[in-house]
Amino acid sequence: MTFLWRAAGSQEPHTDQNVFTDVKETSPFYKAILWATEMGITSGMTDTLFGIDMSCTRGQAVTFIYRYAHTPEYTNGAVFKDVPEKMFCYKAVSWAVEQDITKGTDKAGTLFSPNAFCTRGQIVTFLYRYQN
């Protein structure tokens, strides 16, 4: 969330209502999480748990960017054999492929690895490609 929030200009959230018990006001991620929640980018793991100490997956990272982009339309479905149509990130990955945000994780271009933890480098690369 913090990478995306900073890429969006570190906008101040319009609310100070925090529903997540694991996100304290003293957290360096506090404003980013409030902003992302109010923008509809994330709703956390549950109604009261954000998952602040959990690693973000590749599927989640692309989905957050897709939601930030206001869930735009895409022409073709995901080309990766590990992203079936019923998967939560299918639309986001399909869009990200069309936008050249991702090319996958294998040389053949058949895997996206949606459940693999997203490294800082991958998140920054996704954001860079989205913005450019």
N, C-alpha and C. Protein backbone atom coordinates (compact mmCIF):
# COMPACT_ATOMS: atom_id res chain seq x y z
N MET A 1 0.81 -1.19 0.00
CA MET A 1 0.00 0.00 0.00
C MET A 1 0.86 1.26 0.00
N THR A 2 1.95 1.21 0.74
CA THR A 2 2.78 2.40 0.85
C THR A 2 3.41 2.77 -0.49
N PHE A 3 3.87 1.79 -1.25
CA PHE A 3 4.43 2.09 -2.58
C PHE A 3 3.39 2.77 -3.46
N LEU A 4 2.19 2.23 -3.49
CA LEU A 4 1.12 2.77 -4.32
C LEU A 4 0.71 4.16 -3.83
N TRP A 5 0.60 4.31 -2.53
CA TRP A 5 0.24 5.60 -1.94
C TRP A 5 1.26 6.67 -2.29
N ARG A 6 2.52 6.32 -2.20
CA ARG A 6 3.57 7.29 -2.55
C ARG A 6 3.55 7.60 -4.04
N ALA A 7 3.34 6.59 -4.87
CA ALA A 7 3.27 6.81 -6.32
C ALA A 7 2.10 7.71 -6.68
N ALA A 8 1.06 7.70 -5.86
CA ALA A 8 -0.13 8.54 -6.08
C ALA A 8 0.04 9.93 -5.47
N GLY A 9 1.20 10.21 -4.91
CA GLY A 9 1.46 11.53 -4.37
C GLY A 9 1.28 11.65 -2.87
N SER A 10 1.23 10.56 -2.15
CA SER A 10 1.07 10.54 -0.68
C SER A 10 -0.10 11.41 -0.24
N GLN A 11 -1.22 11.20 -0.90
CA GLN A 11 -2.41 11.99 -0.60
C GLN A 11 -2.90 11.75 0.83
N GLU A 12 -3.34 12.80 1.45
CA GLU A 12 -3.91 12.68 2.79
C GLU A 12 -5.25 11.96 2.70
N PRO A 13 -5.49 10.98 3.56
CA PRO A 13 -6.81 10.36 3.57
C PRO A 13 -7.84 11.37 4.06
N HIS A 14 -9.07 11.22 3.60
CA HIS A 14 -10.14 12.14 3.99
C HIS A 14 -10.78 11.73 5.31
N THR A 15 -10.42 10.59 5.81
CA THR A 15 -11.00 10.08 7.05
C THR A 15 -9.90 9.68 8.01
N ASP A 16 -10.24 9.66 9.27
CA ASP A 16 -9.33 9.12 10.28
C ASP A 16 -9.95 7.90 10.94
N GLN A 17 -11.02 7.40 10.34
CA GLN A 17 -11.70 6.21 10.87
C GLN A 17 -10.94 4.96 10.42
N ASN A 18 -10.36 4.28 11.38
CA ASN A 18 -9.57 3.08 11.12
C ASN A 18 -10.31 1.88 11.72
N VAL A 19 -10.73 0.95 10.88
CA VAL A 19 -11.46 -0.22 11.35
C VAL A 19 -10.53 -1.40 11.66
N PHE A 20 -9.26 -1.28 11.32
CA PHE A 20 -8.33 -2.40 11.45
C PHE A 20 -7.63 -2.38 12.81
N THR A 21 -7.80 -3.45 13.56
CA THR A 21 -7.21 -3.54 14.90
C THR A 21 -5.69 -3.70 14.86
N ASP A 22 -5.15 -4.16 13.74
CA ASP A 22 -3.70 -4.35 13.64
C ASP A 22 -2.97 -3.16 13.02
N VAL A 23 -3.68 -2.08 12.75
CA VAL A 23 -3.06 -0.88 12.17
C VAL A 23 -3.18 0.25 13.19
N LYS A 24 -2.08 0.55 13.82
CA LYS A 24 -2.04 1.60 14.84
C LYS A 24 -1.74 2.95 14.21
N GLU A 25 -2.21 3.98 14.82
CA GLU A 25 -1.99 5.35 14.32
C GLU A 25 -0.51 5.69 14.25
N THR A 26 0.30 5.02 15.04
CA THR A 26 1.75 5.27 15.05
C THR A 26 2.47 4.50 13.94
N SER A 27 1.77 3.66 13.23
CA SER A 27 2.39 2.88 12.16
C SER A 27 2.81 3.78 11.00
N PRO A 28 3.98 3.52 10.41
CA PRO A 28 4.39 4.31 9.24
C PRO A 28 3.50 4.06 8.03
N PHE A 29 2.66 3.03 8.09
CA PHE A 29 1.77 2.68 6.98
C PHE A 29 0.34 3.18 7.20
N TYR A 30 0.09 3.82 8.32
CA TYR A 30 -1.26 4.21 8.73
C TYR A 30 -1.99 5.02 7.66
N LYS A 31 -1.41 6.11 7.21
CA LYS A 31 -2.08 6.97 6.23
C LYS A 31 -2.27 6.25 4.89
N ALA A 32 -1.28 5.47 4.48
CA ALA A 32 -1.38 4.73 3.22
C ALA A 32 -2.54 3.74 3.27
N ILE A 33 -2.70 3.07 4.40
CA ILE A 33 -3.77 2.08 4.54
C ILE A 33 -5.13 2.77 4.60
N LEU A 34 -5.24 3.87 5.33
CA LEU A 34 -6.51 4.61 5.35
C LEU A 34 -6.88 5.10 3.96
N TRP A 35 -5.90 5.65 3.25
CA TRP A 35 -6.12 6.15 1.89
C TRP A 35 -6.58 5.03 0.97
N ALA A 36 -5.86 3.91 0.99
CA ALA A 36 -6.18 2.79 0.11
C ALA A 36 -7.55 2.20 0.42
N THR A 37 -7.92 2.18 1.68
CA THR A 37 -9.23 1.67 2.06
C THR A 37 -10.33 2.60 1.56
N GLU A 38 -10.15 3.88 1.75
CA GLU A 38 -11.19 4.83 1.31
C GLU A 38 -11.28 4.92 -0.21
N MET A 39 -10.18 4.61 -0.92
CA MET A 39 -10.18 4.61 -2.39
C MET A 39 -10.74 3.31 -2.97
N GLY A 40 -11.02 2.32 -2.12
CA GLY A 40 -11.54 1.05 -2.59
C GLY A 40 -10.48 0.13 -3.17
N ILE A 41 -9.23 0.40 -2.86
CA ILE A 41 -8.12 -0.41 -3.37
C ILE A 41 -7.98 -1.69 -2.57
N THR A 42 -8.30 -1.63 -1.29
CA THR A 42 -8.24 -2.79 -0.41
C THR A 42 -9.32 -2.70 0.64
N SER A 43 -9.70 -3.85 1.13
CA SER A 43 -10.64 -3.89 2.26
C SER A 43 -10.05 -4.72 3.39
N GLY A 44 -8.78 -5.04 3.28
CA GLY A 44 -8.11 -5.81 4.32
C GLY A 44 -8.40 -7.30 4.20
N MET A 45 -7.90 -8.04 5.15
CA MET A 45 -8.09 -9.50 5.17
C MET A 45 -9.48 -9.87 5.69
N THR A 46 -9.95 -9.10 6.67
CA THR A 46 -11.30 -9.26 7.21
C THR A 46 -11.84 -7.85 7.48
N ASP A 47 -13.01 -7.76 8.06
CA ASP A 47 -13.59 -6.44 8.38
C ASP A 47 -12.77 -5.67 9.39
N THR A 48 -11.99 -6.37 10.22
CA THR A 48 -11.23 -5.70 11.27
C THR A 48 -9.73 -5.99 11.24
N LEU A 49 -9.28 -6.78 10.29
CA LEU A 49 -7.87 -7.15 10.21
C LEU A 49 -7.31 -6.79 8.83
N PHE A 50 -6.30 -5.95 8.83
CA PHE A 50 -5.67 -5.59 7.56
C PHE A 50 -4.64 -6.63 7.13
N GLY A 51 -3.88 -7.15 8.07
CA GLY A 51 -2.79 -8.07 7.74
C GLY A 51 -1.49 -7.31 7.54
N ILE A 52 -1.26 -6.34 8.39
CA ILE A 52 -0.15 -5.41 8.23
C ILE A 52 1.22 -6.10 8.20
N ASP A 53 1.34 -7.23 8.86
CA ASP A 53 2.63 -7.92 8.89
C ASP A 53 2.73 -9.03 7.86
N MET A 54 1.74 -9.16 7.01
CA MET A 54 1.75 -10.21 5.99
C MET A 54 2.44 -9.71 4.72
N SER A 55 3.08 -10.62 4.03
CA SER A 55 3.69 -10.28 2.74
C SER A 55 2.61 -10.20 1.67
N CYS A 56 2.82 -9.36 0.70
CA CYS A 56 1.89 -9.17 -0.41
C CYS A 56 2.27 -10.13 -1.54
N THR A 57 1.28 -10.75 -2.16
CA THR A 57 1.55 -11.64 -3.28
C THR A 57 1.55 -10.86 -4.59
N ARG A 58 2.05 -11.48 -5.63
CA ARG A 58 2.05 -10.86 -6.96
C ARG A 58 0.61 -10.60 -7.42
N GLY A 59 -0.27 -11.54 -7.15
CA GLY A 59 -1.68 -11.37 -7.52
C GLY A 59 -2.31 -10.19 -6.80
N GLN A 60 -2.02 -10.04 -5.52
CA GLN A 60 -2.54 -8.92 -4.76
C GLN A 60 -1.98 -7.59 -5.26
N ALA A 61 -0.68 -7.54 -5.52
CA ALA A 61 -0.04 -6.30 -5.96
C ALA A 61 -0.66 -5.80 -7.27
N VAL A 62 -0.83 -6.69 -8.23
CA VAL A 62 -1.42 -6.29 -9.51
C VAL A 62 -2.88 -5.90 -9.33
N THR A 63 -3.58 -6.58 -8.44
CA THR A 63 -4.99 -6.25 -8.16
C THR A 63 -5.10 -4.86 -7.55
N PHE A 64 -4.21 -4.50 -6.64
CA PHE A 64 -4.24 -3.17 -6.03
C PHE A 64 -4.03 -2.09 -7.09
N ILE A 65 -3.09 -2.30 -7.99
CA ILE A 65 -2.84 -1.32 -9.05
C ILE A 65 -4.05 -1.23 -9.98
N TYR A 66 -4.63 -2.37 -10.30
CA TYR A 66 -5.82 -2.42 -11.15
C TYR A 66 -6.97 -1.64 -10.52
N ARG A 67 -7.18 -1.82 -9.24
CA ARG A 67 -8.25 -1.07 -8.55
C ARG A 67 -7.92 0.41 -8.49
N TYR A 68 -6.65 0.75 -8.29
CA TYR A 68 -6.24 2.15 -8.29
C TYR A 68 -6.54 2.78 -9.65
N ALA A 69 -6.40 2.00 -10.71
CA ALA A 69 -6.68 2.47 -12.08
C ALA A 69 -8.18 2.45 -12.39
N HIS A 70 -9.01 2.17 -11.38
CA HIS A 70 -10.47 2.16 -11.50
C HIS A 70 -10.99 1.00 -12.34
N THR A 71 -10.37 -0.16 -12.19
CA THR A 71 -10.77 -1.41 -12.84
C THR A 71 -11.13 -1.23 -14.32
N PRO A 72 -10.15 -0.82 -15.11
CA PRO A 72 -10.41 -0.60 -16.54
C PRO A 72 -10.71 -1.89 -17.29
N GLU A 73 -11.31 -1.74 -18.44
CA GLU A 73 -11.63 -2.88 -19.30
C GLU A 73 -10.35 -3.43 -19.92
N TYR A 74 -10.42 -4.66 -20.36
CA TYR A 74 -9.33 -5.29 -21.07
C TYR A 74 -9.92 -6.10 -22.20
N THR A 75 -9.13 -6.43 -23.20
CA THR A 75 -9.62 -7.12 -24.39
C THR A 75 -9.49 -8.63 -24.28
N ASN A 76 -8.33 -9.09 -23.87
CA ASN A 76 -8.05 -10.53 -23.84
C ASN A 76 -7.90 -11.02 -22.41
N GLY A 77 -8.23 -12.28 -22.20
CA GLY A 77 -8.06 -12.89 -20.88
C GLY A 77 -6.60 -13.19 -20.59
N ALA A 78 -6.32 -13.45 -19.32
CA ALA A 78 -4.95 -13.77 -18.90
C ALA A 78 -4.41 -14.95 -19.69
N VAL A 79 -3.17 -14.87 -20.04
CA VAL A 79 -2.53 -15.91 -20.85
C VAL A 79 -1.74 -16.90 -20.00
N PHE A 80 -1.78 -16.75 -18.71
CA PHE A 80 -0.98 -17.59 -17.82
C PHE A 80 -1.77 -18.81 -17.36
N LYS A 81 -1.14 -19.97 -17.44
CA LYS A 81 -1.83 -21.20 -17.06
C LYS A 81 -2.06 -21.31 -15.55
N ASP A 82 -1.39 -20.48 -14.76
CA ASP A 82 -1.60 -20.51 -13.31
C ASP A 82 -2.54 -19.39 -12.83
N VAL A 83 -3.24 -18.74 -13.76
CA VAL A 83 -4.25 -17.73 -13.42
C VAL A 83 -5.56 -18.10 -14.10
N PRO A 84 -6.32 -19.02 -13.50
CA PRO A 84 -7.59 -19.42 -14.10
C PRO A 84 -8.63 -18.31 -13.99
N GLU A 85 -9.62 -18.36 -14.82
CA GLU A 85 -10.65 -17.32 -14.88
C GLU A 85 -11.35 -17.10 -13.54
N LYS A 86 -11.44 -18.11 -12.71
CA LYS A 86 -12.13 -17.97 -11.42
C LYS A 86 -11.25 -17.35 -10.33
N MET A 87 -9.98 -17.16 -10.61
CA MET A 87 -9.05 -16.62 -9.61
C MET A 87 -9.33 -15.14 -9.35
N PHE A 88 -9.18 -14.72 -8.10
CA PHE A 88 -9.48 -13.34 -7.68
C PHE A 88 -8.76 -12.29 -8.51
N CYS A 89 -7.58 -12.59 -9.03
CA CYS A 89 -6.78 -11.59 -9.73
C CYS A 89 -6.85 -11.74 -11.25
N TYR A 90 -7.74 -12.56 -11.76
CA TYR A 90 -7.80 -12.83 -13.20
C TYR A 90 -7.98 -11.55 -14.02
N LYS A 91 -8.95 -10.73 -13.67
CA LYS A 91 -9.19 -9.50 -14.43
C LYS A 91 -8.00 -8.55 -14.34
N ALA A 92 -7.45 -8.42 -13.14
CA ALA A 92 -6.30 -7.53 -12.94
C ALA A 92 -5.09 -7.99 -13.74
N VAL A 93 -4.82 -9.28 -13.73
CA VAL A 93 -3.67 -9.81 -14.47
C VAL A 93 -3.91 -9.67 -15.97
N SER A 94 -5.13 -9.94 -16.42
CA SER A 94 -5.46 -9.78 -17.84
C SER A 94 -5.19 -8.35 -18.29
N TRP A 95 -5.65 -7.40 -17.51
CA TRP A 95 -5.43 -5.99 -17.81
C TRP A 95 -3.94 -5.65 -17.77
N ALA A 96 -3.23 -6.16 -16.75
CA ALA A 96 -1.80 -5.85 -16.59
C ALA A 96 -0.97 -6.38 -17.75
N VAL A 97 -1.35 -7.52 -18.30
CA VAL A 97 -0.65 -8.06 -19.46
C VAL A 97 -0.85 -7.13 -20.66
N GLU A 98 -2.07 -6.70 -20.89
CA GLU A 98 -2.35 -5.80 -22.01
C GLU A 98 -1.64 -4.47 -21.88
N GLN A 99 -1.41 -4.03 -20.65
CA GLN A 99 -0.76 -2.75 -20.41
C GLN A 99 0.77 -2.88 -20.33
N ASP A 100 1.29 -4.08 -20.55
CA ASP A 100 2.73 -4.36 -20.43
C ASP A 100 3.27 -4.09 -19.02
N ILE A 101 2.43 -4.27 -18.03
CA ILE A 101 2.85 -4.13 -16.65
C ILE A 101 3.56 -5.39 -16.19
N THR A 102 3.15 -6.53 -16.75
CA THR A 102 3.80 -7.80 -16.42
C THR A 102 3.90 -8.67 -17.66
N LYS A 103 4.92 -9.49 -17.64
CA LYS A 103 5.12 -10.47 -18.70
C LYS A 103 5.18 -11.88 -18.13
N GLY A 104 5.02 -11.99 -16.80
CA GLY A 104 5.07 -13.28 -16.15
C GLY A 104 6.41 -13.56 -15.50
N THR A 105 6.54 -14.81 -15.02
CA THR A 105 7.74 -15.15 -14.25
C THR A 105 8.64 -16.19 -14.91
N ASP A 106 8.19 -16.77 -16.01
CA ASP A 106 9.04 -17.76 -16.68
C ASP A 106 9.40 -17.26 -18.08
N LYS A 107 10.43 -17.82 -18.65
CA LYS A 107 10.89 -17.38 -19.97
C LYS A 107 9.86 -17.62 -21.06
N ALA A 108 9.06 -18.65 -20.91
CA ALA A 108 8.05 -18.97 -21.93
C ALA A 108 6.83 -18.05 -21.84
N GLY A 109 6.70 -17.32 -20.75
CA GLY A 109 5.56 -16.43 -20.59
C GLY A 109 4.26 -17.16 -20.30
N THR A 110 4.35 -18.31 -19.65
CA THR A 110 3.14 -19.08 -19.36
C THR A 110 2.75 -19.06 -17.89
N LEU A 111 3.61 -18.51 -17.03
CA LEU A 111 3.33 -18.46 -15.59
C LEU A 111 3.40 -17.03 -15.08
N PHE A 112 2.47 -16.71 -14.19
CA PHE A 112 2.49 -15.41 -13.51
C PHE A 112 2.93 -15.55 -12.05
N SER A 113 2.71 -16.70 -11.47
CA SER A 113 3.02 -16.96 -10.05
C SER A 113 2.23 -16.03 -9.13
N PRO A 114 0.89 -16.06 -9.21
CA PRO A 114 0.07 -15.13 -8.45
C PRO A 114 0.17 -15.27 -6.94
N ASN A 115 0.53 -16.45 -6.44
CA ASN A 115 0.60 -16.66 -5.00
C ASN A 115 2.00 -16.50 -4.44
N ALA A 116 2.97 -16.21 -5.30
CA ALA A 116 4.33 -15.98 -4.84
C ALA A 116 4.40 -14.59 -4.20
N PHE A 117 5.22 -14.47 -3.17
CA PHE A 117 5.37 -13.16 -2.55
C PHE A 117 5.98 -12.20 -3.55
N CYS A 118 5.47 -11.00 -3.58
CA CYS A 118 5.94 -9.97 -4.50
C CYS A 118 7.11 -9.24 -3.85
N THR A 119 8.23 -9.24 -4.52
CA THR A 119 9.40 -8.55 -3.97
C THR A 119 9.22 -7.03 -4.13
N ARG A 120 10.01 -6.29 -3.40
CA ARG A 120 9.98 -4.83 -3.52
C ARG A 120 10.29 -4.43 -4.96
N GLY A 121 11.26 -5.11 -5.56
CA GLY A 121 11.64 -4.81 -6.95
C GLY A 121 10.49 -5.05 -7.92
N GLN A 122 9.74 -6.13 -7.72
CA GLN A 122 8.61 -6.42 -8.60
C GLN A 122 7.50 -5.38 -8.44
N ILE A 123 7.21 -5.02 -7.19
CA ILE A 123 6.16 -4.02 -6.96
C ILE A 123 6.54 -2.70 -7.62
N VAL A 124 7.78 -2.27 -7.42
CA VAL A 124 8.23 -1.01 -8.00
C VAL A 124 8.20 -1.09 -9.53
N THR A 125 8.56 -2.24 -10.09
CA THR A 125 8.53 -2.41 -11.54
C THR A 125 7.10 -2.34 -12.06
N PHE A 126 6.17 -3.01 -11.39
CA PHE A 126 4.76 -2.93 -11.79
C PHE A 126 4.28 -1.48 -11.78
N LEU A 127 4.61 -0.75 -10.72
CA LEU A 127 4.18 0.65 -10.62
C LEU A 127 4.83 1.52 -11.69
N TYR A 128 6.11 1.31 -11.94
CA TYR A 128 6.82 2.06 -12.97
C TYR A 128 6.18 1.84 -14.33
N ARG A 129 5.93 0.58 -14.65
CA ARG A 129 5.32 0.26 -15.94
C ARG A 129 3.90 0.83 -16.03
N TYR A 130 3.17 0.80 -14.95
CA TYR A 130 1.82 1.38 -14.95
C TYR A 130 1.87 2.89 -15.22
N GLN A 131 2.78 3.56 -14.58
CA GLN A 131 2.86 5.02 -14.72
C GLN A 131 3.48 5.46 -16.04
N ASN A 132 4.17 4.57 -16.71
CA ASN A 132 4.83 4.96 -17.95
C ASN A 132 4.23 4.20 -19.11
